[in-house]
Amino acid sequence: MSFYRPFAPLFGAIFCCLLGVGATLGALPLYLRDRHAGDVEIGVVVTAIAVSAVIARPIAGRLADRHGYKPIMIIGVLLCALAGIGYLPADGVVPLTAVRVLHGIGEGTVYTAGATWLVALAPQERRGRFVGLYGICMWLGITLGALVGALVLDAVNFAAVGWFAAVAALGGLALVLVKRGPEHPAGPPRTGLVAGSAVLPGVALSLAAFGYAALAAFVALHLARRDIGHGIAAFNAFGVTYVGVRLFVGNLPDRLGASRVALWSALTEAVGLVLVGAAPNLPVAIAGGLVMGAGLSLLFPALALVVLNRTDPSRHGVALGAFTSFWDIGLAVGGPLAGWIAGLAGYPTIFYVMAGCALGSAALSLAGRRGRAVPAET
């Protein structure tokens, strides 16, 4: 643990900011429903944060490359705190959507600047593990925040949720301020918002994200159609292995090679999706969720490591920002796509099609392995 102590402020800062994001995520649907908002309006408000984060990540990465990671991360944390306060007077779909956009810009900025800062500090032989641990802090922040948000809304009111999000972000600000900024890597000035090294791994990530979106949205409905109760347990099982694998074997991309681990991770996800789609009972569905979690757990850090290894250090921010946006795009596309497939061919077909998408992700990683001799982008 003493080895990781110098990095704790960055892990803590992203946890605090995502704690606020999760709190609003857990409270907003219930709050809007009580105010008689429709399903479409609720969907717009809730997902606005993801749309703005997609746009903010590469921009934040470019700014971090040019001006330093610490000042850009501070700006992101302050935007998250400002968004928390912005929830207080917001009343109605349009004002809340505007606040969600601001929150997404803050979250995307914090993640991208913090991840790039972390990579700059981490030993090169442990970069994949550090990216994975950073993602776990995000996951825990959102998960615990959603629980806290629902409890605070029920016990107090929605304004208290906004205050909680603001205070949590300020806690992240305190952690960032006490951490000394790294030396800024020198490099040639570049103006693009998307690094070419991020495109192929990013598309592979999007294809894999389709499966996660399908599992989250439709596994309970799929199993209920087969008269199998407690279907959400399959999704919970996914979370168990997603976190567990990163904690205990998160160094595999560093040890075995990023492209190799990305290939096998995508294939593992495909197997899990087939198990869920064909599940005749709850134990098989849970097994599918466990297998999926094991696959997706290492896919993101492995592909991120591929991007980092092929990008000049002076462009790591814009590369990671663009790469991470592909995950958000995969979620945004995967959910509606799964719903469209369900309407045409039924729930099981969703998971078989998404297994095919995971195989496509594996094929891209295989192509990346064959082209690994390509020099790093400069």
Protein backbone atom coordinates (compact mmCIF):
# COMPACT_ATOMS: atom_id res chain seq x y z
CA MET A 1 0.00 0.00 0.00
CA SER A 2 2.94 2.35 0.62
CA PHE A 3 3.74 2.14 -3.09
CA TYR A 4 0.26 3.46 -4.01
CA ARG A 5 0.11 6.15 -1.30
CA PRO A 6 1.56 8.94 -3.51
CA PHE A 7 -1.21 8.29 -6.03
CA ALA A 8 -4.04 8.27 -3.47
CA PRO A 9 -5.04 11.93 -4.04
CA LEU A 10 -5.80 11.25 -7.70
CA PHE A 11 -7.78 8.11 -6.89
CA GLY A 12 -9.63 9.98 -4.15
CA ALA A 13 -10.40 12.99 -6.33
CA ILE A 14 -12.07 10.96 -9.08
CA PHE A 15 -13.98 8.97 -6.43
CA CYS A 16 -15.30 12.16 -4.81
CA CYS A 17 -16.41 13.71 -8.11
CA LEU A 18 -18.09 10.52 -9.28
CA LEU A 19 -19.75 10.18 -5.88
CA GLY A 20 -21.61 13.41 -6.69
CA VAL A 21 -22.39 12.25 -10.23
CA GLY A 22 -23.77 8.97 -8.88
CA ALA A 23 -25.88 10.77 -6.26
CA THR A 24 -27.65 12.86 -8.90
CA LEU A 25 -28.01 9.80 -11.11
CA GLY A 26 -29.76 7.90 -8.32
CA ALA A 27 -32.04 10.80 -7.36
CA LEU A 28 -32.96 12.54 -10.61
CA PRO A 29 -35.31 9.92 -12.12
CA LEU A 30 -37.31 9.70 -8.88
CA TYR A 31 -37.36 13.49 -8.46
CA LEU A 32 -38.52 14.06 -12.05
CA ARG A 33 -41.16 11.32 -11.80
CA ASP A 34 -42.62 13.01 -8.70
CA ARG A 35 -42.82 16.23 -10.74
CA HIS A 36 -44.77 14.41 -13.47
CA ALA A 37 -42.02 14.36 -16.09
CA GLY A 38 -42.43 11.85 -18.91
CA ASP A 39 -40.11 8.98 -19.75
CA VAL A 40 -38.54 10.81 -22.70
CA GLU A 41 -37.91 13.90 -20.59
CA ILE A 42 -36.32 11.82 -17.83
CA GLY A 43 -34.12 10.09 -20.39
CA VAL A 44 -32.96 13.40 -21.86
CA VAL A 45 -32.05 14.86 -18.47
CA VAL A 46 -30.26 11.75 -17.20
CA THR A 47 -28.22 11.09 -20.38
CA ALA A 48 -27.27 14.73 -21.04
CA ILE A 49 -24.25 14.25 -18.75
CA ALA A 50 -22.90 11.44 -20.93
CA VAL A 51 -23.34 13.37 -24.17
CA SER A 52 -21.48 16.41 -22.85
CA ALA A 53 -18.73 14.21 -21.38
CA VAL A 54 -18.10 12.67 -24.82
CA ILE A 55 -17.44 16.12 -26.23
CA ALA A 56 -15.52 17.38 -23.19
CA ARG A 57 -13.02 14.53 -22.85
CA PRO A 58 -10.85 15.13 -25.96
CA ILE A 59 -10.99 18.91 -25.45
CA ALA A 60 -9.90 18.51 -21.84
CA GLY A 61 -7.15 16.16 -22.96
CA ARG A 62 -5.82 18.68 -25.45
CA LEU A 63 -5.87 21.46 -22.83
CA ALA A 64 -4.11 19.20 -20.31
CA ASP A 65 -1.40 18.40 -22.84
CA ARG A 66 -0.84 22.09 -23.49
CA HIS A 67 -1.29 23.65 -20.04
CA GLY A 68 -0.61 20.87 -17.55
CA TYR A 69 -2.72 18.19 -15.88
CA LYS A 70 -3.19 19.75 -12.44
CA PRO A 71 -4.75 23.10 -13.50
CA ILE A 72 -7.14 21.39 -15.91
CA MET A 73 -8.17 18.85 -13.28
CA ILE A 74 -8.79 21.69 -10.82
CA ILE A 75 -11.05 23.36 -13.38
CA GLY A 76 -12.96 20.09 -13.83
CA VAL A 77 -13.47 19.61 -10.11
CA LEU A 78 -14.70 23.19 -9.74
CA LEU A 79 -17.17 22.64 -12.57
CA CYS A 80 -18.49 19.54 -10.76
CA ALA A 81 -18.92 21.58 -7.56
CA LEU A 82 -20.63 24.39 -9.50
CA ALA A 83 -22.98 21.85 -11.10
CA GLY A 84 -23.90 20.53 -7.65
CA ILE A 85 -24.91 24.02 -6.60
CA GLY A 86 -26.66 24.49 -9.93
CA TYR A 87 -29.12 21.72 -9.07
CA LEU A 88 -30.51 23.84 -6.23
CA PRO A 89 -32.43 26.46 -8.25
CA ALA A 90 -32.97 24.26 -11.30
CA ASP A 91 -36.65 23.43 -11.65
CA GLY A 92 -37.84 21.83 -14.85
CA VAL A 93 -36.45 19.73 -17.67
CA VAL A 94 -34.59 22.51 -19.52
CA PRO A 95 -32.71 23.96 -16.50
CA LEU A 96 -31.86 20.50 -15.20
CA THR A 97 -30.58 19.45 -18.64
CA ALA A 98 -28.33 22.51 -18.71
CA VAL A 99 -26.93 21.62 -15.27
CA ARG A 100 -26.37 18.03 -16.40
CA VAL A 101 -24.39 19.29 -19.40
CA LEU A 102 -22.20 21.32 -17.04
CA HIS A 103 -21.78 18.30 -14.78
CA GLY A 104 -20.75 16.18 -17.75
CA ILE A 105 -18.14 18.72 -18.83
CA GLY A 106 -16.75 18.71 -15.30
CA GLU A 107 -16.72 14.92 -15.00
CA GLY A 108 -15.12 14.44 -18.42
CA THR A 109 -12.46 17.03 -17.61
CA VAL A 110 -11.66 15.52 -14.21
CA TYR A 111 -11.37 12.00 -15.59
CA THR A 112 -9.21 12.86 -18.58
CA ALA A 113 -6.79 15.21 -16.79
CA GLY A 114 -6.56 12.86 -13.79
CA ALA A 115 -5.98 9.73 -15.86
CA THR A 116 -3.27 11.42 -17.92
CA TRP A 117 -1.64 12.78 -14.76
CA LEU A 118 -1.72 9.31 -13.23
CA VAL A 119 -0.13 7.76 -16.32
CA ALA A 120 2.60 10.41 -16.25
CA LEU A 121 3.47 9.45 -12.66
CA ALA A 122 3.05 5.66 -12.87
CA PRO A 123 5.98 3.39 -13.73
CA GLN A 124 5.69 2.38 -17.37
CA GLU A 125 5.52 -1.30 -16.45
CA ARG A 126 2.41 -0.65 -14.28
CA ARG A 127 0.42 1.76 -16.42
CA GLY A 128 -2.31 -0.76 -17.22
CA ARG A 129 -2.85 -1.57 -13.56
CA PHE A 130 -3.08 2.09 -12.60
CA VAL A 131 -5.64 2.82 -15.32
CA GLY A 132 -7.67 -0.13 -14.07
CA LEU A 133 -7.57 1.04 -10.45
CA TYR A 134 -8.59 4.53 -11.54
CA GLY A 135 -11.62 2.99 -13.23
CA ILE A 136 -12.52 1.08 -10.06
CA CYS A 137 -12.56 4.37 -8.14
CA MET A 138 -15.00 5.72 -10.73
CA TRP A 139 -17.17 2.61 -10.50
CA LEU A 140 -17.30 2.71 -6.71
CA GLY A 141 -18.05 6.44 -6.72
CA ILE A 142 -21.01 6.08 -9.06
CA THR A 143 -22.34 2.97 -7.31
CA LEU A 144 -22.13 4.32 -3.76
CA GLY A 145 -23.24 7.77 -4.90
CA ALA A 146 -26.41 6.40 -6.48
CA LEU A 147 -27.30 4.71 -3.19
CA VAL A 148 -26.58 7.86 -1.17
CA GLY A 149 -28.54 10.03 -3.61
CA ALA A 150 -31.65 7.90 -3.35
CA LEU A 151 -31.43 7.82 0.46
CA VAL A 152 -30.87 11.58 0.77
CA LEU A 153 -33.76 12.33 -1.58
CA ASP A 154 -36.05 10.11 0.46
CA ALA A 155 -34.89 11.46 3.83
CA VAL A 156 -34.51 15.17 2.97
CA ASN A 157 -35.09 16.57 -0.53
CA PHE A 158 -33.45 17.01 -3.92
CA ALA A 159 -31.68 20.20 -2.87
CA ALA A 160 -29.78 18.16 -0.28
CA VAL A 161 -28.60 15.88 -3.09
CA GLY A 162 -27.22 18.91 -4.93
CA TRP A 163 -25.40 20.05 -1.79
CA PHE A 164 -23.97 16.56 -1.34
CA ALA A 165 -22.64 16.57 -4.93
CA ALA A 166 -21.06 20.01 -4.42
CA VAL A 167 -19.42 19.08 -1.10
CA ALA A 168 -18.13 15.78 -2.51
CA ALA A 169 -16.53 17.65 -5.44
CA LEU A 170 -14.93 20.13 -3.03
CA GLY A 171 -13.46 17.17 -1.19
CA GLY A 172 -11.92 16.12 -4.49
CA LEU A 173 -10.61 19.67 -4.95
CA ALA A 174 -8.79 19.51 -1.61
CA LEU A 175 -7.09 16.29 -2.69
CA VAL A 176 -5.98 17.73 -6.03
CA LEU A 177 -4.61 20.89 -4.41
CA VAL A 178 -2.34 18.98 -2.02
CA LYS A 179 -0.86 16.88 -4.84
CA ARG A 180 2.18 18.33 -6.56
CA GLY A 181 1.76 18.60 -10.32
CA PRO A 182 4.06 16.54 -12.55
CA GLU A 183 6.59 17.91 -14.96
CA HIS A 184 4.88 18.66 -18.23
CA PRO A 185 6.26 16.50 -21.09
CA ALA A 186 7.79 18.47 -23.92
CA GLY A 187 6.66 17.71 -27.41
CA PRO A 188 5.72 19.21 -30.73
CA PRO A 189 2.51 21.31 -30.73
CA ARG A 190 -0.46 19.45 -32.16
CA THR A 191 -3.92 20.82 -32.83
CA GLY A 192 -6.18 17.83 -33.45
CA LEU A 193 -8.81 16.72 -30.96
CA VAL A 194 -8.57 13.03 -31.87
CA ALA A 195 -5.27 11.17 -31.83
CA GLY A 196 -5.05 8.63 -34.63
CA SER A 197 -3.66 6.07 -32.19
CA ALA A 198 -6.98 6.11 -30.28
CA VAL A 199 -9.31 5.31 -33.17
CA LEU A 200 -8.87 1.54 -33.68
CA PRO A 201 -8.74 0.68 -29.96
CA GLY A 202 -11.62 3.12 -29.41
CA VAL A 203 -13.84 1.37 -31.94
CA ALA A 204 -12.97 -1.95 -30.31
CA LEU A 205 -14.00 -0.47 -26.96
CA SER A 206 -17.31 0.80 -28.36
CA LEU A 207 -18.17 -2.62 -29.76
CA ALA A 208 -17.49 -4.21 -26.38
CA ALA A 209 -19.52 -1.52 -24.59
CA PHE A 210 -22.61 -2.60 -26.57
CA GLY A 211 -22.71 -5.79 -24.50
CA TYR A 212 -22.58 -3.95 -21.20
CA ALA A 213 -25.38 -1.62 -22.29
CA ALA A 214 -27.51 -4.61 -23.29
CA LEU A 215 -26.89 -6.44 -20.02
CA ALA A 216 -27.71 -3.39 -17.91
CA ALA A 217 -30.90 -2.55 -19.77
CA PHE A 218 -32.41 -5.90 -20.71
CA VAL A 219 -31.10 -8.84 -18.67
CA ALA A 220 -33.92 -8.61 -16.09
CA LEU A 221 -36.58 -8.35 -18.83
CA HIS A 222 -34.98 -11.19 -20.79
CA LEU A 223 -35.04 -13.56 -17.83
CA ALA A 224 -38.51 -12.46 -16.71
CA ARG A 225 -39.80 -13.43 -20.16
CA ARG A 226 -38.55 -16.95 -19.37
CA ASP A 227 -40.23 -16.85 -15.94
CA ILE A 228 -36.87 -16.53 -14.20
CA GLY A 229 -37.04 -14.17 -11.25
CA HIS A 230 -34.31 -12.00 -9.74
CA GLY A 231 -32.69 -11.47 -13.12
CA ILE A 232 -30.85 -8.40 -11.89
CA ALA A 233 -28.57 -10.84 -10.04
CA ALA A 234 -26.82 -11.49 -13.36
CA PHE A 235 -25.94 -7.81 -13.58
CA ASN A 236 -24.79 -7.78 -9.96
CA ALA A 237 -22.59 -10.78 -10.72
CA PHE A 238 -21.03 -8.78 -13.54
CA GLY A 239 -20.04 -6.07 -11.04
CA VAL A 240 -18.43 -8.60 -8.70
CA THR A 241 -15.96 -9.95 -11.23
CA TYR A 242 -15.51 -6.57 -12.93
CA VAL A 243 -14.06 -5.15 -9.69
CA GLY A 244 -12.47 -8.36 -8.43
CA VAL A 245 -10.48 -9.13 -11.56
CA ARG A 246 -9.05 -5.60 -11.69
CA LEU A 247 -8.06 -5.74 -8.04
CA PHE A 248 -6.36 -9.12 -8.10
CA VAL A 249 -5.01 -9.58 -11.63
CA GLY A 250 -5.16 -6.02 -12.96
CA ASN A 251 -1.48 -6.21 -13.91
CA LEU A 252 -2.06 -8.76 -16.69
CA PRO A 253 -2.03 -6.15 -19.52
CA ASP A 254 1.38 -4.99 -18.27
CA ARG A 255 2.74 -8.52 -17.90
CA LEU A 256 1.29 -10.36 -20.89
CA GLY A 257 0.91 -7.55 -23.41
CA ALA A 258 -1.96 -5.12 -23.88
CA SER A 259 -3.16 -6.33 -27.29
CA ARG A 260 -3.12 -9.98 -26.23
CA VAL A 261 -5.16 -9.28 -23.08
CA ALA A 262 -7.60 -7.10 -25.05
CA LEU A 263 -8.12 -9.93 -27.54
CA TRP A 264 -8.86 -12.54 -24.88
CA SER A 265 -10.96 -10.14 -22.83
CA ALA A 266 -13.28 -9.48 -25.78
CA LEU A 267 -13.57 -13.21 -26.49
CA THR A 268 -14.42 -13.82 -22.83
CA GLU A 269 -17.13 -11.16 -22.97
CA ALA A 270 -18.60 -12.86 -26.05
CA VAL A 271 -18.82 -16.19 -24.18
CA GLY A 272 -20.57 -14.48 -21.27
CA LEU A 273 -23.11 -12.84 -23.58
CA VAL A 274 -23.94 -16.17 -25.21
CA LEU A 275 -24.46 -17.75 -21.78
CA VAL A 276 -26.84 -14.95 -20.78
CA GLY A 277 -28.76 -15.18 -24.04
CA ALA A 278 -29.17 -18.97 -23.83
CA ALA A 279 -29.66 -19.14 -20.03
CA PRO A 280 -32.43 -21.63 -19.12
CA ASN A 281 -32.20 -20.73 -15.43
CA LEU A 282 -30.77 -18.14 -13.06
CA PRO A 283 -27.47 -19.93 -12.24
CA VAL A 284 -26.50 -20.00 -15.93
CA ALA A 285 -27.43 -16.33 -16.30
CA ILE A 286 -25.34 -15.46 -13.24
CA ALA A 287 -22.44 -17.45 -14.69
CA GLY A 288 -22.80 -15.42 -17.88
CA GLY A 289 -22.68 -12.19 -15.90
CA LEU A 290 -19.58 -13.36 -14.05
CA VAL A 291 -17.82 -14.27 -17.31
CA MET A 292 -18.80 -10.96 -18.90
CA GLY A 293 -17.45 -9.04 -15.93
CA ALA A 294 -14.15 -10.91 -16.10
CA GLY A 295 -13.85 -10.04 -19.79
CA LEU A 296 -14.77 -6.37 -19.69
CA SER A 297 -12.79 -5.76 -16.51
CA LEU A 298 -9.41 -5.86 -18.26
CA LEU A 299 -10.53 -4.77 -21.72
CA PHE A 300 -10.59 -1.06 -20.96
CA PRO A 301 -7.13 -0.84 -19.30
CA ALA A 302 -5.64 -3.15 -21.94
CA LEU A 303 -6.90 -1.04 -24.83
CA ALA A 304 -5.95 2.17 -22.98
CA LEU A 305 -2.44 0.78 -22.67
CA VAL A 306 -2.39 0.09 -26.41
CA VAL A 307 -3.29 3.74 -27.01
CA LEU A 308 -0.63 5.03 -24.59
CA ASN A 309 2.08 2.84 -26.08
CA ARG A 310 1.38 4.19 -29.55
CA THR A 311 1.13 7.86 -28.60
CA ASP A 312 3.83 10.41 -27.89
CA PRO A 313 3.74 11.43 -24.18
CA SER A 314 3.01 15.03 -25.19
CA ARG A 315 -0.29 13.78 -26.68
CA HIS A 316 -1.39 11.37 -23.94
CA GLY A 317 -4.17 13.69 -22.75
CA VAL A 318 -5.92 14.08 -26.08
CA ALA A 319 -5.42 10.37 -26.84
CA LEU A 320 -6.95 9.18 -23.55
CA GLY A 321 -9.75 11.72 -23.83
CA ALA A 322 -10.71 10.55 -27.30
CA PHE A 323 -10.34 6.87 -26.37
CA THR A 324 -12.57 7.17 -23.29
CA SER A 325 -15.23 8.93 -25.34
CA PHE A 326 -15.61 5.76 -27.40
CA TRP A 327 -16.89 3.98 -24.27
CA ASP A 328 -19.58 6.61 -23.78
CA ILE A 329 -20.50 6.38 -27.46
CA GLY A 330 -20.81 2.60 -27.15
CA LEU A 331 -23.20 2.96 -24.22
CA ALA A 332 -25.23 5.66 -25.97
CA VAL A 333 -25.60 3.54 -29.11
CA GLY A 334 -25.76 0.11 -27.48
CA GLY A 335 -28.88 0.70 -25.41
CA PRO A 336 -31.15 1.90 -28.25
CA LEU A 337 -29.66 -0.71 -30.59
CA ALA A 338 -30.48 -3.48 -28.11
CA GLY A 339 -34.04 -2.18 -27.82
CA TRP A 340 -34.42 -2.14 -31.60
CA ILE A 341 -33.14 -5.74 -31.82
CA ALA A 342 -35.56 -6.82 -29.09
CA GLY A 343 -38.47 -5.37 -31.03
CA LEU A 344 -37.45 -7.24 -34.17
CA ALA A 345 -36.29 -10.61 -32.85
CA GLY A 346 -36.79 -10.85 -29.08
CA TYR A 347 -34.60 -10.52 -26.02
CA PRO A 348 -32.26 -13.53 -26.53
CA THR A 349 -31.20 -12.20 -29.92
CA ILE A 350 -29.90 -9.03 -28.25
CA PHE A 351 -27.20 -10.98 -26.45
CA TYR A 352 -26.24 -13.06 -29.47
CA VAL A 353 -25.84 -9.96 -31.62
CA MET A 354 -23.81 -8.25 -28.92
CA ALA A 355 -21.65 -11.36 -28.68
CA GLY A 356 -20.97 -10.85 -32.38
CA CYS A 357 -19.99 -7.25 -31.65
CA ALA A 358 -17.60 -8.49 -28.95
CA LEU A 359 -16.06 -10.82 -31.53
CA GLY A 360 -15.65 -7.79 -33.76
CA SER A 361 -13.82 -6.08 -30.91
CA ALA A 362 -11.56 -9.12 -30.61
CA ALA A 363 -10.88 -9.03 -34.36
CA LEU A 364 -9.78 -5.39 -34.11
CA SER A 365 -7.45 -6.25 -31.22
CA LEU A 366 -6.03 -9.11 -33.27
CA ALA A 367 -5.44 -6.73 -36.16
CA GLY A 368 -3.75 -4.39 -33.69
CA ARG A 369 -1.43 -7.18 -32.54
CA ARG A 370 -0.36 -7.87 -36.10
CA GLY A 371 0.29 -4.15 -36.59
CA ARG A 372 2.04 -3.61 -33.27
CA ALA A 373 5.28 -2.77 -34.99
CA VAL A 374 3.75 0.53 -36.14
CA PRO A 375 5.80 3.33 -34.53
CA ALA A 376 4.25 5.56 -31.89
CA GLU A 377 2.40 8.63 -33.04
CA THR A 378 4.53 11.76 -32.83
